[in-house]
Amino acid sequence: MIPSDEKLIEAGLPLAIPRGRVLLIACGALAREILDLKKRNGWDHLDLTCLPAKYHLYPDKIAEEVRKAVTAHRADYDDIFVVYADCGTGGLLQAACAELGVEMVAGPHCYSFFEGNDAFAAKAEEEFTAFYLTDFLVRQFDAFVWKPMGLDRHPELRDMYFGNYEKLVYQAQTDDPALTEIARDCAERLGLAFERRFTGYGDLATALERL
């Protein structure tokens, strides 16, 4: 039985204020993971809108597009949370969020917060020759890596782009043998050693849980 407001006041306890609605403005590359977290945790107070994942290829657009989205939706929500890390904006996204008064996921990029920012930073020096893929990028390898780099037309460019890399690290958010095999094939296509590392959702889950 839920006590009435009067009984809470008499007991010197804070009132039970209903949780407000929160809008997540996210990178489209994180949609599947966010929706899964919402479903498994019953986070029905969180709504999701996504910006195109292709902004990974044009990070200079991210801060301004996030700014537009926050402005467009601010009046409809009690709070807004930006589900991007810095993602190559060179601090511009953090500055925009600070100006707008909204929070964002901590970290330099999704590879870091999936691994856990502290864990990723601890490995950074020994893994500066690693190329990372997430579940999303394994699924979209051709669209986000192979074709934009022109490797579908000029495979000889592979050594120019990846000659200084030693391994491909597949940061697996899910246990999916089929995705693992695709990731292994991606490593072979790039001429890199392969490592699979199960990360789950890392700091993304922690950040959303706080909401």
Protein backbone atom coordinates (compact mmCIF):
# COMPACT_ATOMS: atom_id res chain seq x y z
CA MET A 1 0.00 0.00 0.00
CA ILE A 2 1.36 3.43 -0.96
CA PRO A 3 1.11 5.96 1.91
CA SER A 4 -0.77 9.21 1.33
CA ASP A 5 1.03 12.54 1.02
CA GLU A 6 -0.37 13.54 4.43
CA LYS A 7 1.15 10.48 6.14
CA LEU A 8 4.50 11.07 4.44
CA ILE A 9 4.52 14.66 5.68
CA GLU A 10 3.57 13.59 9.21
CA ALA A 11 6.44 11.08 9.20
CA GLY A 12 8.88 13.74 8.02
CA LEU A 13 9.46 11.94 4.71
CA PRO A 14 9.68 13.52 1.24
CA LEU A 15 6.62 13.39 -0.97
CA ALA A 16 6.48 10.69 -3.62
CA ILE A 17 6.77 12.81 -6.75
CA PRO A 18 5.95 10.97 -10.00
CA ARG A 19 8.97 10.52 -12.21
CA GLY A 20 8.91 12.89 -15.17
CA ARG A 21 9.41 12.01 -18.80
CA VAL A 22 12.92 12.14 -20.19
CA LEU A 23 13.83 12.38 -23.86
CA LEU A 24 16.94 10.61 -25.07
CA ILE A 25 18.48 12.27 -28.12
CA ALA A 26 20.76 9.56 -29.43
CA CYS A 27 23.02 8.52 -32.25
CA GLY A 28 21.13 6.15 -34.52
CA ALA A 29 23.93 3.62 -34.09
CA LEU A 30 22.79 3.15 -30.48
CA ALA A 31 19.06 2.73 -31.10
CA ARG A 32 18.97 -1.07 -30.80
CA GLU A 33 20.93 -1.05 -27.55
CA ILE A 34 18.87 1.74 -25.97
CA LEU A 35 15.57 0.09 -26.88
CA ASP A 36 16.79 -3.19 -25.40
CA LEU A 37 17.80 -1.48 -22.15
CA LYS A 38 14.43 0.28 -21.98
CA LYS A 39 12.55 -2.97 -22.48
CA ARG A 40 14.52 -5.16 -20.08
CA ASN A 41 14.48 -2.54 -17.30
CA GLY A 42 10.95 -1.24 -17.78
CA TRP A 43 12.16 2.33 -18.32
CA ASP A 44 8.86 3.51 -19.75
CA HIS A 45 9.53 7.10 -18.71
CA LEU A 46 12.34 7.33 -21.28
CA ASP A 47 11.46 8.30 -24.84
CA LEU A 48 13.92 7.98 -27.70
CA THR A 49 14.61 10.03 -30.80
CA CYS A 50 17.64 9.35 -32.97
CA LEU A 51 19.80 11.41 -35.27
CA PRO A 52 21.17 9.65 -38.37
CA ALA A 53 24.00 7.24 -37.66
CA LYS A 54 25.75 8.56 -40.78
CA TYR A 55 26.86 11.57 -38.73
CA HIS A 56 29.68 9.26 -37.63
CA LEU A 57 31.11 10.12 -41.03
CA TYR A 58 30.50 13.86 -40.56
CA PRO A 59 31.13 14.62 -36.88
CA ASP A 60 31.21 18.36 -37.55
CA LYS A 61 27.40 18.17 -37.94
CA ILE A 62 26.66 16.49 -34.62
CA ALA A 63 26.71 19.44 -32.22
CA GLU A 64 24.45 21.62 -34.35
CA GLU A 65 21.96 18.82 -35.02
CA VAL A 66 21.81 17.98 -31.32
CA ARG A 67 21.25 21.65 -30.58
CA LYS A 68 18.31 21.73 -33.01
CA ALA A 69 16.79 18.58 -31.50
CA VAL A 70 17.05 19.86 -27.92
CA THR A 71 15.45 23.17 -28.91
CA ALA A 72 12.64 21.42 -30.77
CA HIS A 73 11.71 19.07 -27.92
CA ARG A 74 12.60 20.98 -24.75
CA ALA A 75 9.05 22.16 -23.98
CA ASP A 76 7.63 18.63 -24.13
CA TYR A 77 9.89 16.96 -21.55
CA ASP A 78 10.97 17.33 -17.95
CA ASP A 79 14.53 16.52 -18.93
CA ILE A 80 16.65 15.72 -21.99
CA PHE A 81 19.71 13.50 -22.09
CA VAL A 82 22.09 13.34 -25.05
CA VAL A 83 23.24 9.80 -25.84
CA TYR A 84 26.42 10.70 -27.65
CA ALA A 85 29.98 10.78 -26.40
CA ASP A 86 32.32 13.39 -27.93
CA CYS A 87 32.35 11.32 -31.15
CA GLY A 88 34.98 13.38 -32.94
CA THR A 89 33.43 16.81 -32.30
CA GLY A 90 36.55 18.08 -30.55
CA GLY A 91 34.61 19.24 -27.50
CA LEU A 92 31.96 21.12 -29.50
CA LEU A 93 29.17 18.77 -28.42
CA GLN A 94 30.08 19.10 -24.75
CA ALA A 95 30.11 22.89 -25.11
CA ALA A 96 26.71 22.85 -26.81
CA CYS A 97 25.22 20.61 -24.11
CA ALA A 98 26.62 22.84 -21.36
CA GLU A 99 25.13 25.90 -23.06
CA LEU A 100 21.76 24.15 -23.42
CA GLY A 101 21.81 22.84 -19.86
CA VAL A 102 21.56 19.15 -20.76
CA GLU A 103 23.76 16.21 -19.86
CA MET A 104 25.44 13.74 -22.20
CA VAL A 105 27.19 10.39 -21.98
CA ALA A 106 30.76 10.72 -20.72
CA GLY A 107 33.66 9.54 -22.84
CA PRO A 108 35.44 10.17 -26.12
CA HIS A 109 33.39 7.72 -28.21
CA CYS A 110 31.12 4.68 -28.02
CA TYR A 111 34.07 2.24 -28.08
CA SER A 112 35.15 3.77 -24.80
CA PHE A 113 31.81 3.80 -22.99
CA PHE A 114 30.90 0.28 -24.16
CA GLU A 115 34.20 -0.98 -22.77
CA GLY A 116 33.77 1.23 -19.74
CA ASN A 117 35.60 4.56 -19.87
CA ASP A 118 38.04 3.70 -17.10
CA ALA A 119 38.84 0.27 -18.56
CA PHE A 120 39.26 1.69 -22.06
CA ALA A 121 41.59 4.43 -20.85
CA ALA A 122 43.70 1.88 -18.98
CA LYS A 123 44.24 -0.08 -22.22
CA ALA A 124 44.66 2.90 -24.52
CA GLU A 125 48.46 2.91 -24.59
CA GLU A 126 48.82 -0.79 -25.37
CA GLU A 127 45.96 -0.78 -27.89
CA PHE A 128 46.72 2.25 -30.02
CA THR A 129 47.13 -0.13 -32.99
CA ALA A 130 43.65 -1.66 -32.51
CA PHE A 131 40.68 -0.97 -34.79
CA TYR A 132 37.32 -1.31 -33.03
CA LEU A 133 33.92 -2.49 -34.19
CA THR A 134 30.66 -2.58 -32.22
CA ASP A 135 27.59 -4.69 -32.99
CA PHE A 136 26.23 -1.86 -35.12
CA LEU A 137 29.43 -1.43 -37.11
CA VAL A 138 29.73 -5.16 -37.70
CA ARG A 139 26.23 -5.15 -39.17
CA GLN A 140 26.96 -2.01 -41.18
CA PHE A 141 30.62 -2.64 -42.02
CA ASP A 142 30.25 -2.11 -45.76
CA ALA A 143 28.13 1.03 -45.39
CA PHE A 144 30.24 2.70 -42.68
CA VAL A 145 33.78 1.42 -43.32
CA TRP A 146 34.38 -0.44 -46.57
CA LYS A 147 32.53 1.81 -49.03
CA PRO A 148 33.17 5.26 -47.46
CA MET A 149 36.89 4.50 -47.50
CA GLY A 150 36.68 3.48 -51.14
CA LEU A 151 37.90 -0.04 -50.46
CA ASP A 152 35.12 -1.50 -52.58
CA ARG A 153 36.58 0.34 -55.58
CA HIS A 154 40.24 0.50 -54.64
CA PRO A 155 41.19 -2.46 -52.41
CA GLU A 156 44.84 -1.47 -52.78
CA LEU A 157 44.11 1.38 -50.34
CA ARG A 158 43.73 -1.14 -47.51
CA ASP A 159 47.42 -1.09 -46.62
CA MET A 160 47.47 2.71 -46.69
CA TYR A 161 44.57 2.96 -44.26
CA PHE A 162 45.25 -0.04 -42.04
CA GLY A 163 48.96 -0.73 -42.42
CA ASN A 164 49.68 0.59 -38.93
CA TYR A 165 46.91 -1.39 -37.26
CA GLU A 166 47.60 -4.82 -35.81
CA LYS A 167 44.24 -6.19 -34.74
CA LEU A 168 40.51 -5.70 -35.02
CA VAL A 169 38.74 -5.75 -31.66
CA TYR A 170 35.08 -6.66 -31.88
CA GLN A 171 33.39 -5.17 -28.83
CA ALA A 172 30.34 -7.41 -28.62
CA GLN A 173 27.26 -5.95 -26.98
CA THR A 174 25.41 -9.25 -27.46
CA ASP A 175 26.27 -12.94 -27.59
CA ASP A 176 25.55 -13.55 -31.27
CA PRO A 177 27.68 -16.21 -33.01
CA ALA A 178 26.57 -14.97 -36.44
CA LEU A 179 27.80 -11.44 -35.70
CA THR A 180 31.07 -12.85 -34.39
CA GLU A 181 31.65 -14.64 -37.71
CA ILE A 182 30.89 -11.47 -39.65
CA ALA A 183 33.33 -9.55 -37.44
CA ARG A 184 35.98 -12.21 -38.01
CA ASP A 185 35.46 -11.82 -41.76
CA CYS A 186 35.83 -8.05 -41.42
CA ALA A 187 39.21 -8.59 -39.75
CA GLU A 188 40.30 -10.87 -42.58
CA ARG A 189 39.24 -8.34 -45.19
CA LEU A 190 41.34 -5.70 -43.44
CA GLY A 191 44.29 -8.05 -42.96
CA LEU A 192 44.16 -7.76 -39.17
CA ALA A 193 44.28 -10.20 -36.29
CA PHE A 194 40.91 -10.77 -34.64
CA GLU A 195 39.84 -10.41 -31.03
CA ARG A 196 36.32 -10.66 -29.69
CA ARG A 197 35.66 -8.89 -26.40
CA PHE A 198 32.25 -9.08 -24.77
CA THR A 199 31.50 -5.66 -23.29
CA GLY A 200 27.74 -5.68 -22.96
CA TYR A 201 26.41 -2.14 -22.72
CA GLY A 202 29.11 -0.85 -20.37
CA ASP A 203 28.76 2.74 -19.20
CA LEU A 204 25.78 3.28 -21.49
CA ALA A 205 23.67 1.17 -19.15
CA THR A 206 25.03 2.99 -16.13
CA ALA A 207 24.32 6.42 -17.63
CA LEU A 208 20.72 5.55 -18.51
CA GLU A 209 20.11 3.89 -15.14
CA ARG A 210 20.80 7.22 -13.44
CA LEU A 211 17.85 8.70 -15.30
